[in-house]
Amino acid sequence: DGLSPGDTLELTVLRGAEERTVTARFET
C-alpha cells in the first residue's frame, strides 16, 4: 500500500535453507 507504479520492492526469500534477496519492479 505504500508503493507506487515505478517503485521497486526488496524481498527476502528463503528457498529451502538458503536465504536470498530479490527485487520486484512495479511498472503499472
PDB file of all heavy atoms in Angstrom:
ATOM      1  N   ASP A   1       0.817  -1.213   0.000  1.00  0.00           N
ATOM      2  CA  ASP A   1       0.000   0.000   0.000  1.00  0.00           C
ATOM      3  C   ASP A   1       0.849   1.262   0.000  1.00  0.00           C
ATOM      4  O   ASP A   1       0.373   2.342  -0.364  1.00  0.00           O
ATOM      5  CB  ASP A   1      -0.936   0.014   1.215  1.00  0.00           C
ATOM      6  CG  ASP A   1      -2.086  -0.971   1.069  1.00  0.00           C
ATOM      7  OD1 ASP A   1      -2.337  -1.426  -0.061  1.00  0.00           O
ATOM      8  OD2 ASP A   1      -2.725  -1.299   2.089  1.00  0.00           O
ATOM      9  N   GLY A   2       2.097   1.148   0.425  1.00  0.00           N
ATOM     10  CA  GLY A   2       2.969   2.312   0.463  1.00  0.00           C
ATOM     11  C   GLY A   2       3.758   2.517  -0.817  1.00  0.00           C
ATOM     12  O   GLY A   2       4.569   3.447  -0.904  1.00  0.00           O
ATOM     13  N   LEU A   3       3.523   1.684  -1.836  1.00  0.00           N
ATOM     14  CA  LEU A   3       4.265   1.771  -3.090  1.00  0.00           C
ATOM     15  C   LEU A   3       3.443   2.426  -4.176  1.00  0.00           C
ATOM     16  O   LEU A   3       2.213   2.481  -4.111  1.00  0.00           O
ATOM     17  CB  LEU A   3       4.690   0.367  -3.543  1.00  0.00           C
ATOM     18  CG  LEU A   3       5.596  -0.424  -2.590  1.00  0.00           C
ATOM     19  CD1 LEU A   3       5.856  -1.810  -3.155  1.00  0.00           C
ATOM     20  CD2 LEU A   3       6.907   0.310  -2.344  1.00  0.00           C
ATOM     21  N   SER A   4       4.135   2.886  -5.212  1.00  0.00           N
ATOM     22  CA  SER A   4       3.501   3.490  -6.377  1.00  0.00           C
ATOM     23  C   SER A   4       4.057   2.837  -7.634  1.00  0.00           C
ATOM     24  O   SER A   4       5.143   2.236  -7.609  1.00  0.00           O
ATOM     25  CB  SER A   4       3.776   5.003  -6.417  1.00  0.00           C
ATOM     26  OG  SER A   4       3.284   5.638  -5.255  1.00  0.00           O
ATOM     27  N   PRO A   5       3.323   2.945  -8.763  1.00  0.00           N
ATOM     28  CA  PRO A   5       3.859   2.413 -10.022  1.00  0.00           C
ATOM     29  C   PRO A   5       5.239   2.990 -10.305  1.00  0.00           C
ATOM     30  O   PRO A   5       5.474   4.183 -10.148  1.00  0.00           O
ATOM     31  CB  PRO A   5       2.826   2.877 -11.054  1.00  0.00           C
ATOM     32  CG  PRO A   5       1.554   2.999 -10.281  1.00  0.00           C
ATOM     33  CD  PRO A   5       1.967   3.498  -8.925  1.00  0.00           C
ATOM     34  N   GLY A   6       6.155   2.119 -10.701  1.00  0.00           N
ATOM     35  CA  GLY A   6       7.525   2.539 -10.950  1.00  0.00           C
ATOM     36  C   GLY A   6       8.463   2.244  -9.801  1.00  0.00           C
ATOM     37  O   GLY A   6       9.686   2.282  -9.968  1.00  0.00           O
ATOM     38  N   ASP A   7       7.905   1.965  -8.616  1.00  0.00           N
ATOM     39  CA  ASP A   7       8.739   1.650  -7.459  1.00  0.00           C
ATOM     40  C   ASP A   7       9.285   0.227  -7.546  1.00  0.00           C
ATOM     41  O   ASP A   7       8.800  -0.608  -8.323  1.00  0.00           O
ATOM     42  CB  ASP A   7       7.940   1.793  -6.157  1.00  0.00           C
ATOM     43  CG  ASP A   7       7.680   3.239  -5.773  1.00  0.00           C
ATOM     44  OD1 ASP A   7       8.291   4.126  -6.402  1.00  0.00           O
ATOM     45  OD2 ASP A   7       6.862   3.473  -4.874  1.00  0.00           O
ATOM     46  N   THR A   8      10.273  -0.040  -6.722  1.00  0.00           N
ATOM     47  CA  THR A   8      10.813  -1.394  -6.581  1.00  0.00           C
ATOM     48  C   THR A   8      10.634  -1.850  -5.140  1.00  0.00           C
ATOM     49  O   THR A   8      10.478  -1.028  -4.229  1.00  0.00           O
ATOM     50  CB  THR A   8      12.307  -1.453  -6.951  1.00  0.00           C
ATOM     51  OG1 THR A   8      13.044  -0.579  -6.073  1.00  0.00           O
ATOM     52  CG2 THR A   8      12.525  -1.036  -8.394  1.00  0.00           C
ATOM     53  N   LEU A   9      10.639  -3.157  -4.945  1.00  0.00           N
ATOM     54  CA  LEU A   9      10.460  -3.731  -3.608  1.00  0.00           C
ATOM     55  C   LEU A   9      11.479  -4.832  -3.395  1.00  0.00           C
ATOM     56  O   LEU A   9      11.550  -5.786  -4.186  1.00  0.00           O
ATOM     57  CB  LEU A   9       9.046  -4.290  -3.452  1.00  0.00           C
ATOM     58  CG  LEU A   9       8.745  -5.030  -2.142  1.00  0.00           C
ATOM     59  CD1 LEU A   9       8.884  -4.093  -0.955  1.00  0.00           C
ATOM     60  CD2 LEU A   9       7.348  -5.636  -2.185  1.00  0.00           C
ATOM     61  N   GLU A  10      12.263  -4.690  -2.342  1.00  0.00           N
ATOM     62  CA  GLU A  10      13.251  -5.704  -1.998  1.00  0.00           C
ATOM     63  C   GLU A  10      12.592  -6.780  -1.148  1.00  0.00           C
ATOM     64  O   GLU A  10      12.002  -6.494  -0.105  1.00  0.00           O
ATOM     65  CB  GLU A  10      14.421  -5.069  -1.250  1.00  0.00           C
ATOM     66  CG  GLU A  10      15.594  -6.013  -1.041  1.00  0.00           C
ATOM     67  CD  GLU A  10      16.774  -5.314  -0.392  1.00  0.00           C
ATOM     68  OE1 GLU A  10      16.825  -5.288   0.849  1.00  0.00           O
ATOM     69  OE2 GLU A  10      17.617  -4.756  -1.132  1.00  0.00           O
ATOM     70  N   LEU A  11      12.703  -8.029  -1.603  1.00  0.00           N
ATOM     71  CA  LEU A  11      12.106  -9.165  -0.914  1.00  0.00           C
ATOM     72  C   LEU A  11      13.199 -10.092  -0.405  1.00  0.00           C
ATOM     73  O   LEU A  11      14.161 -10.390  -1.129  1.00  0.00           O
ATOM     74  CB  LEU A  11      11.198  -9.955  -1.854  1.00  0.00           C
ATOM     75  CG  LEU A  11       9.973  -9.229  -2.413  1.00  0.00           C
ATOM     76  CD1 LEU A  11       9.350 -10.047  -3.542  1.00  0.00           C
ATOM     77  CD2 LEU A  11       8.944  -8.991  -1.307  1.00  0.00           C
ATOM     78  N   THR A  12      13.048 -10.519   0.827  1.00  0.00           N
ATOM     79  CA  THR A  12      13.936 -11.545   1.373  1.00  0.00           C
ATOM     80  C   THR A  12      13.226 -12.874   1.260  1.00  0.00           C
ATOM     81  O   THR A  12      12.105 -13.055   1.778  1.00  0.00           O
ATOM     82  CB  THR A  12      14.286 -11.260   2.838  1.00  0.00           C
ATOM     83  OG1 THR A  12      14.867  -9.957   2.937  1.00  0.00           O
ATOM     84  CG2 THR A  12      15.269 -12.295   3.374  1.00  0.00           C
ATOM     85  N   VAL A  13      13.874 -13.808   0.543  1.00  0.00           N
ATOM     86  CA  VAL A  13      13.241 -15.085   0.197  1.00  0.00           C
ATOM     87  C   VAL A  13      14.078 -16.225   0.754  1.00  0.00           C
ATOM     88  O   VAL A  13      15.313 -16.230   0.650  1.00  0.00           O
ATOM     89  CB  VAL A  13      13.123 -15.221  -1.335  1.00  0.00           C
ATOM     90  CG1 VAL A  13      12.522 -16.569  -1.711  1.00  0.00           C
ATOM     91  CG2 VAL A  13      12.283 -14.080  -1.904  1.00  0.00           C
ATOM     92  N   LEU A  14      13.403 -17.199   1.332  1.00  0.00           N
ATOM     93  CA  LEU A  14      14.061 -18.410   1.826  1.00  0.00           C
ATOM     94  C   LEU A  14      13.652 -19.555   0.915  1.00  0.00           C
ATOM     95  O   LEU A  14      12.461 -19.882   0.804  1.00  0.00           O
ATOM     96  CB  LEU A  14      13.638 -18.689   3.268  1.00  0.00           C
ATOM     97  CG  LEU A  14      14.506 -19.639   4.076  1.00  0.00           C
ATOM     98  CD1 LEU A  14      15.926 -19.094   4.213  1.00  0.00           C
ATOM     99  CD2 LEU A  14      13.901 -19.868   5.454  1.00  0.00           C
ATOM    100  N   ARG A  15      14.650 -20.145   0.250  1.00  0.00           N
ATOM    101  CA  ARG A  15      14.400 -21.291  -0.623  1.00  0.00           C
ATOM    102  C   ARG A  15      15.123 -22.489  -0.033  1.00  0.00           C
ATOM    103  O   ARG A  15      16.349 -22.584  -0.097  1.00  0.00           O
ATOM    104  CB  ARG A  15      14.875 -21.009  -2.039  1.00  0.00           C
ATOM    105  CG  ARG A  15      14.581 -22.121  -3.048  1.00  0.00           C
ATOM    106  CD  ARG A  15      14.885 -21.646  -4.451  1.00  0.00           C
ATOM    107  NE  ARG A  15      14.043 -20.504  -4.818  1.00  0.00           N
ATOM    108  CZ  ARG A  15      14.279 -19.712  -5.870  1.00  0.00           C
ATOM    109  NH1 ARG A  15      15.348 -19.939  -6.631  1.00  0.00           N
ATOM    110  NH2 ARG A  15      13.474 -18.703  -6.140  1.00  0.00           N
ATOM    111  N   GLY A  16      14.333 -23.353   0.601  1.00  0.00           N
ATOM    112  CA  GLY A  16      14.946 -24.436   1.364  1.00  0.00           C
ATOM    113  C   GLY A  16      15.625 -23.847   2.585  1.00  0.00           C
ATOM    114  O   GLY A  16      14.996 -23.212   3.420  1.00  0.00           O
ATOM    115  N   ALA A  17      16.959 -23.999   2.679  1.00  0.00           N
ATOM    116  CA  ALA A  17      17.714 -23.415   3.786  1.00  0.00           C
ATOM    117  C   ALA A  17      18.506 -22.193   3.346  1.00  0.00           C
ATOM    118  O   ALA A  17      19.202 -21.578   4.155  1.00  0.00           O
ATOM    119  CB  ALA A  17      18.662 -24.465   4.372  1.00  0.00           C
ATOM    120  N   GLU A  18      18.401 -21.849   2.063  1.00  0.00           N
ATOM    121  CA  GLU A  18      19.186 -20.736   1.515  1.00  0.00           C
ATOM    122  C   GLU A  18      18.364 -19.447   1.498  1.00  0.00           C
ATOM    123  O   GLU A  18      17.252 -19.408   0.979  1.00  0.00           O
ATOM    124  CB  GLU A  18      19.631 -21.069   0.083  1.00  0.00           C
ATOM    125  CG  GLU A  18      20.429 -19.957  -0.574  1.00  0.00           C
ATOM    126  CD  GLU A  18      20.690 -20.232  -2.048  1.00  0.00           C
ATOM    127  OE1 GLU A  18      20.312 -21.326  -2.523  1.00  0.00           O
ATOM    128  OE2 GLU A  18      21.256 -19.340  -2.714  1.00  0.00           O
ATOM    129  N   GLU A  19      18.926 -18.397   2.055  1.00  0.00           N
ATOM    130  CA  GLU A  19      18.260 -17.094   2.059  1.00  0.00           C
ATOM    131  C   GLU A  19      18.855 -16.223   0.968  1.00  0.00           C
ATOM    132  O   GLU A  19      20.071 -16.178   0.783  1.00  0.00           O
ATOM    133  CB  GLU A  19      18.423 -16.417   3.418  1.00  0.00           C
ATOM    134  CG  GLU A  19      17.672 -15.092   3.542  1.00  0.00           C
ATOM    135  CD  GLU A  19      17.731 -14.532   4.957  1.00  0.00           C
ATOM    136  OE1 GLU A  19      17.320 -15.238   5.897  1.00  0.00           O
ATOM    137  OE2 GLU A  19      18.189 -13.379   5.099  1.00  0.00           O
ATOM    138  N   ARG A  20      17.981 -15.533   0.231  1.00  0.00           N
ATOM    139  CA  ARG A  20      18.446 -14.664  -0.842  1.00  0.00           C
ATOM    140  C   ARG A  20      17.581 -13.412  -0.885  1.00  0.00           C
ATOM    141  O   ARG A  20      16.482 -13.379  -0.329  1.00  0.00           O
ATOM    142  CB  ARG A  20      18.403 -15.391  -2.186  1.00  0.00           C
ATOM    143  CG  ARG A  20      17.005 -15.790  -2.610  1.00  0.00           C
ATOM    144  CD  ARG A  20      17.038 -16.563  -3.920  1.00  0.00           C
ATOM    145  NE  ARG A  20      17.706 -17.844  -3.771  1.00  0.00           N
ATOM    146  CZ  ARG A  20      18.015 -18.641  -4.784  1.00  0.00           C
ATOM    147  NH1 ARG A  20      17.727 -18.259  -6.021  1.00  0.00           N
ATOM    148  NH2 ARG A  20      18.609 -19.802  -4.583  1.00  0.00           N
ATOM    149  N   THR A  21      18.084 -12.389  -1.568  1.00  0.00           N
ATOM    150  CA  THR A  21      17.338 -11.143  -1.731  1.00  0.00           C
ATOM    151  C   THR A  21      17.074 -10.900  -3.205  1.00  0.00           C
ATOM    152  O   THR A  21      17.992 -11.010  -4.032  1.00  0.00           O
ATOM    153  CB  THR A  21      18.130  -9.952  -1.146  1.00  0.00           C
ATOM    154  OG1 THR A  21      18.344 -10.162   0.250  1.00  0.00           O
ATOM    155  CG2 THR A  21      17.345  -8.656  -1.328  1.00  0.00           C
ATOM    156  N   VAL A  22      15.816 -10.590  -3.535  1.00  0.00           N
ATOM    157  CA  VAL A  22      15.449 -10.299  -4.915  1.00  0.00           C
ATOM    158  C   VAL A  22      14.717  -8.960  -4.948  1.00  0.00           C
ATOM    159  O   VAL A  22      14.226  -8.480  -3.920  1.00  0.00           O
ATOM    160  CB  VAL A  22      14.556 -11.404  -5.527  1.00  0.00           C
ATOM    161  CG1 VAL A  22      15.280 -12.741  -5.511  1.00  0.00           C
ATOM    162  CG2 VAL A  22      13.233 -11.510  -4.772  1.00  0.00           C
ATOM    163  N   THR A  23      14.648  -8.360  -6.126  1.00  0.00           N
ATOM    164  CA  THR A  23      13.994  -7.060  -6.268  1.00  0.00           C
ATOM    165  C   THR A  23      12.838  -7.162  -7.252  1.00  0.00           C
ATOM    166  O   THR A  23      13.026  -7.538  -8.418  1.00  0.00           O
ATOM    167  CB  THR A  23      14.989  -5.992  -6.763  1.00  0.00           C
ATOM    168  OG1 THR A  23      16.067  -5.882  -5.817  1.00  0.00           O
ATOM    169  CG2 THR A  23      14.300  -4.640  -6.887  1.00  0.00           C
ATOM    170  N   ALA A  24      11.647  -6.838  -6.768  1.00  0.00           N
ATOM    171  CA  ALA A  24      10.455  -6.823  -7.618  1.00  0.00           C
ATOM    172  C   ALA A  24      10.231  -5.400  -8.126  1.00  0.00           C
ATOM    173  O   ALA A  24      10.358  -4.436  -7.372  1.00  0.00           O
ATOM    174  CB  ALA A  24       9.239  -7.301  -6.834  1.00  0.00           C
ATOM    175  N   ARG A  25       9.889  -5.284  -9.402  1.00  0.00           N
ATOM    176  CA  ARG A  25       9.655  -3.978 -10.020  1.00  0.00           C
ATOM    177  C   ARG A  25       8.190  -3.861 -10.446  1.00  0.00           C
ATOM    178  O   ARG A  25       7.659  -4.766 -11.077  1.00  0.00           O
ATOM    179  CB  ARG A  25      10.580  -3.790 -11.226  1.00  0.00           C
ATOM    180  CG  ARG A  25      12.037  -3.638 -10.815  1.00  0.00           C
ATOM    181  CD  ARG A  25      12.965  -3.551 -12.025  1.00  0.00           C
ATOM    182  NE  ARG A  25      14.304  -3.161 -11.600  1.00  0.00           N
ATOM    183  CZ  ARG A  25      15.189  -3.998 -11.083  1.00  0.00           C
ATOM    184  NH1 ARG A  25      14.863  -5.268 -10.921  1.00  0.00           N
ATOM    185  NH2 ARG A  25      16.387  -3.577 -10.708  1.00  0.00           N
ATOM    186  N   PHE A  26       7.580  -2.731 -10.108  1.00  0.00           N
ATOM    187  CA  PHE A  26       6.173  -2.499 -10.403  1.00  0.00           C
ATOM    188  C   PHE A  26       6.083  -1.438 -11.487  1.00  0.00           C
ATOM    189  O   PHE A  26       6.271  -0.245 -11.235  1.00  0.00           O
ATOM    190  CB  PHE A  26       5.432  -2.038  -9.147  1.00  0.00           C
ATOM    191  CG  PHE A  26       5.469  -3.047  -8.037  1.00  0.00           C
ATOM    192  CD1 PHE A  26       6.484  -3.023  -7.087  1.00  0.00           C
ATOM    193  CD2 PHE A  26       4.504  -4.037  -7.946  1.00  0.00           C
ATOM    194  CE1 PHE A  26       6.533  -3.949  -6.066  1.00  0.00           C
ATOM    195  CE2 PHE A  26       4.549  -4.966  -6.939  1.00  0.00           C
ATOM    196  CZ  PHE A  26       5.569  -4.935  -5.991  1.00  0.00           C
ATOM    197  N   GLU A  27       5.760  -1.884 -12.683  1.00  0.00           N
ATOM    198  CA  GLU A  27       5.704  -0.958 -13.802  1.00  0.00           C
ATOM    199  C   GLU A  27       4.386  -0.204 -13.841  1.00  0.00           C
ATOM    200  O   GLU A  27       4.348   0.999 -14.085  1.00  0.00           O
ATOM    201  CB  GLU A  27       5.915  -1.706 -15.127  1.00  0.00           C
ATOM    202  CG  GLU A  27       7.296  -2.333 -15.226  1.00  0.00           C
ATOM    203  CD  GLU A  27       7.500  -3.030 -16.548  1.00  0.00           C
ATOM    204  OE1 GLU A  27       6.543  -3.025 -17.354  1.00  0.00           O
ATOM    205  OE2 GLU A  27       8.589  -3.582 -16.774  1.00  0.00           O
ATOM    206  N   THR A  28       3.286  -0.898 -13.596  1.00  0.00           N
ATOM    207  CA  THR A  28       1.965  -0.272 -13.628  1.00  0.00           C
ATOM    208  C   THR A  28       1.115  -0.826 -12.531  1.00  0.00           C
ATOM    209  O   THR A  28       1.355  -1.911 -12.022  1.00  0.00           O
ATOM    210  CB  THR A  28       1.254  -0.525 -14.976  1.00  0.00           C
ATOM    211  OG1 THR A  28       1.073  -1.940 -15.155  1.00  0.00           O
ATOM    212  CG2 THR A  28       2.038   0.059 -16.124  1.00  0.00           C
TER     213      THR A  28
END
